[in-house]
Amino acid sequence: MRDVKEQATRISRCRMTFEIKEGNKIGLINQNIVDTALFTDEHDGALLETVRLSESFFDQLKRHPVPLQESAIRAISNNSQALDIYFWLVYRLHERVTVQKVSWPALKAQFGASYTHMRNFKIRFRDALQIALAIYPEAKVGIDEDGVTLSPSASPVSRRSPKNIR
């Protein structure tokens, strides 16, 4: 439960910056995920009680839904790194049309900033990746000394339009 609280706190404070380069022009997009959040001070740490997503982030979610399988999320809910990797795989693979290589340094920057040594990160990442792949068997992912290879893969759930999103 402590990991879930910590993850919720981090996400509520997250701000993403996207840099887009085209020719000699560079553009930046800053995206907050959360506009407001209410935490309850519990004896074992703050618990996120309510959250209001930023309007622009919520609009992006509606325009570009990612098909997640609820039973898969429940199955690995006790492993935050495997969950992160599962979400990442579904996002990256379900509409992929070409093969893409992701290097170990890029993976470490995204998933393992707290690891001092690449060797330790690779071991933990491989373990968590195997868990994520067990719940997303449609994922076509290769792993080698250079990183991972992502290939076009079927969605983990059937495609349908989102309903009742407010």
Protein backbone atom coordinates (compact mmCIF):
# COMPACT_ATOMS: atom_id res chain seq x y z
CA MET A 1 0.00 0.00 0.00
CA ARG A 2 2.92 2.34 0.71
CA ASP A 3 4.08 1.98 -2.91
CA VAL A 4 0.61 2.88 -4.21
CA LYS A 5 0.50 6.00 -2.01
CA GLU A 6 3.97 7.01 -3.13
CA GLN A 7 3.09 6.49 -6.80
CA ALA A 8 -0.14 8.50 -6.46
CA THR A 9 1.78 11.34 -4.82
CA ARG A 10 4.41 11.34 -7.56
CA ILE A 11 1.85 11.27 -10.36
CA SER A 12 -0.11 14.12 -8.78
CA ARG A 13 3.07 16.23 -8.85
CA CYS A 14 4.17 15.13 -12.30
CA ARG A 15 4.67 17.59 -15.11
CA MET A 16 5.70 16.36 -18.53
CA THR A 17 7.58 18.40 -21.06
CA PHE A 18 7.60 17.34 -24.70
CA GLU A 19 10.17 18.78 -27.07
CA ILE A 20 9.38 18.73 -30.76
CA LYS A 21 12.13 19.44 -33.29
CA GLU A 22 11.41 20.15 -36.91
CA GLY A 23 14.18 21.53 -39.06
CA ASN A 24 15.66 24.53 -37.26
CA LYS A 25 12.60 24.98 -35.03
CA ILE A 26 12.08 23.59 -31.55
CA GLY A 27 8.74 23.60 -29.78
CA LEU A 28 7.89 22.75 -26.19
CA ILE A 29 4.67 21.45 -24.71
CA ASN A 30 4.28 21.44 -20.94
CA GLN A 31 1.60 19.09 -19.66
CA ASN A 32 0.37 18.82 -16.10
CA ILE A 33 -1.49 15.62 -15.30
CA VAL A 34 -3.27 16.90 -12.20
CA ASP A 35 -4.82 20.33 -11.60
CA THR A 36 -5.76 19.72 -7.96
CA ALA A 37 -5.39 16.91 -5.44
CA LEU A 38 -6.57 16.46 -1.85
CA PHE A 39 -4.47 14.35 0.49
CA THR A 40 -5.57 12.98 3.85
CA ASP A 41 -2.82 12.88 6.46
CA GLU A 42 -2.77 9.30 7.72
CA HIS A 43 -0.52 7.92 10.45
CA ASP A 44 1.47 5.94 7.86
CA GLY A 45 1.70 8.71 5.26
CA ALA A 46 -0.51 10.96 3.16
CA LEU A 47 -3.27 9.22 1.22
CA LEU A 48 -4.58 10.72 -2.02
CA GLU A 49 -8.29 11.23 -1.48
CA THR A 50 -9.48 13.09 -4.57
CA VAL A 51 -7.85 14.25 -7.75
CA ARG A 52 -8.88 16.51 -10.61
CA LEU A 53 -7.08 15.86 -13.86
CA SER A 54 -5.97 18.84 -15.89
CA GLU A 55 -8.41 19.58 -18.68
CA SER A 56 -5.81 19.26 -21.43
CA PHE A 57 -4.55 15.90 -20.08
CA PHE A 58 -8.11 14.60 -19.76
CA ASP A 59 -8.85 15.71 -23.33
CA GLN A 60 -5.78 13.79 -24.51
CA LEU A 61 -7.00 10.67 -22.70
CA LYS A 62 -10.37 10.94 -24.42
CA ARG A 63 -8.82 11.50 -27.85
CA HIS A 64 -6.18 8.78 -27.50
CA PRO A 65 -7.52 6.05 -25.21
CA VAL A 66 -5.21 3.20 -24.25
CA PRO A 67 -6.93 -0.19 -23.93
CA LEU A 68 -5.96 -1.61 -20.53
CA GLN A 69 -7.21 -4.93 -19.22
CA GLU A 70 -8.61 -4.52 -15.71
CA SER A 71 -7.95 -8.14 -14.71
CA ALA A 72 -4.32 -7.76 -15.78
CA ILE A 73 -3.93 -4.64 -13.66
CA ARG A 74 -5.40 -6.43 -10.64
CA ALA A 75 -3.10 -9.42 -11.20
CA ILE A 76 0.07 -7.32 -10.87
CA SER A 77 -1.19 -4.49 -8.66
CA ASN A 78 1.42 -5.35 -6.03
CA ASN A 79 4.32 -4.66 -8.42
CA SER A 80 4.54 -0.98 -9.38
CA GLN A 81 7.39 -1.44 -11.86
CA ALA A 82 5.58 -4.26 -13.68
CA LEU A 83 2.46 -2.06 -13.80
CA ASP A 84 4.44 0.84 -15.25
CA ILE A 85 5.94 -1.45 -17.87
CA TYR A 86 2.53 -2.98 -18.71
CA PHE A 87 1.02 0.51 -19.20
CA TRP A 88 4.03 1.55 -21.30
CA LEU A 89 3.86 -1.58 -23.48
CA VAL A 90 0.14 -1.22 -24.14
CA TYR A 91 0.57 2.47 -24.97
CA ARG A 92 3.56 1.88 -27.25
CA LEU A 93 2.41 -1.33 -28.96
CA HIS A 94 -1.33 -1.21 -29.58
CA GLU A 95 -1.10 1.18 -32.53
CA ARG A 96 2.52 0.59 -33.56
CA VAL A 97 3.07 0.04 -37.28
CA THR A 98 6.88 -0.23 -37.33
CA VAL A 99 9.53 -1.94 -35.24
CA GLN A 100 11.26 0.32 -32.72
CA LYS A 101 14.41 -0.23 -30.68
CA VAL A 102 14.60 1.34 -27.19
CA SER A 103 18.09 1.45 -25.69
CA TRP A 104 18.99 0.51 -22.13
CA PRO A 105 19.98 4.11 -21.31
CA ALA A 106 16.57 5.34 -22.55
CA LEU A 107 14.79 2.64 -20.53
CA LYS A 108 16.81 3.52 -17.42
CA ALA A 109 15.98 7.21 -17.85
CA GLN A 110 12.27 6.37 -17.96
CA PHE A 111 11.97 3.49 -15.50
CA GLY A 112 15.10 3.41 -13.37
CA ALA A 113 16.34 6.85 -12.44
CA SER A 114 16.83 5.66 -8.85
CA TYR A 115 19.28 2.92 -9.90
CA THR A 116 22.93 3.88 -9.66
CA HIS A 117 24.23 1.00 -11.78
CA MET A 118 22.88 -0.05 -15.16
CA ARG A 119 23.58 -3.70 -14.28
CA ASN A 120 21.14 -3.59 -11.35
CA PHE A 121 18.52 -1.78 -13.40
CA LYS A 122 18.71 -4.35 -16.21
CA ILE A 123 18.13 -7.24 -13.80
CA ARG A 124 15.09 -5.58 -12.18
CA PHE A 125 13.70 -4.36 -15.49
CA ARG A 126 13.96 -7.82 -17.09
CA ASP A 127 12.13 -9.37 -14.12
CA ALA A 128 9.34 -6.77 -14.21
CA LEU A 129 9.12 -7.03 -18.01
CA GLN A 130 8.54 -10.79 -17.76
CA ILE A 131 5.66 -10.16 -15.34
CA ALA A 132 4.15 -7.55 -17.69
CA LEU A 133 4.51 -9.89 -20.66
CA ALA A 134 2.78 -12.68 -18.74
CA ILE A 135 -0.37 -10.55 -18.54
CA TYR A 136 0.02 -9.13 -22.06
CA PRO A 137 0.90 -12.22 -24.11
CA GLU A 138 0.03 -10.43 -27.38
CA ALA A 139 3.01 -8.09 -26.84
CA LYS A 140 5.81 -8.69 -29.32
CA VAL A 141 8.88 -7.58 -27.42
CA GLY A 142 12.48 -8.65 -27.88
CA ILE A 143 15.24 -8.04 -25.36
CA ASP A 144 19.00 -8.13 -25.90
CA GLU A 145 22.24 -6.49 -24.78
CA ASP A 146 21.26 -3.21 -26.50
CA GLY A 147 17.76 -2.83 -25.04
CA VAL A 148 14.27 -3.88 -26.10
CA THR A 149 12.67 -4.14 -29.52
CA LEU A 150 8.99 -3.24 -29.81
CA SER A 151 7.05 -4.73 -32.72
CA PRO A 152 3.45 -4.12 -33.81
CA SER A 153 1.19 -6.07 -31.45
CA ALA A 154 -2.48 -6.76 -30.93
CA SER A 155 -4.25 -4.81 -28.23
CA PRO A 156 -4.77 -6.66 -24.93
CA VAL A 157 -8.51 -5.87 -25.17
CA SER A 158 -10.97 -5.52 -28.02
CA ARG A 159 -11.19 -2.04 -29.52
CA ARG A 160 -14.33 -0.07 -28.64
CA SER A 161 -15.18 3.55 -28.17
CA PRO A 162 -15.02 4.98 -24.64
CA LYS A 163 -18.43 5.45 -23.03
CA ASN A 164 -19.60 7.50 -20.11
CA ILE A 165 -16.43 9.55 -19.86
CA ARG A 166 -17.09 12.81 -18.09
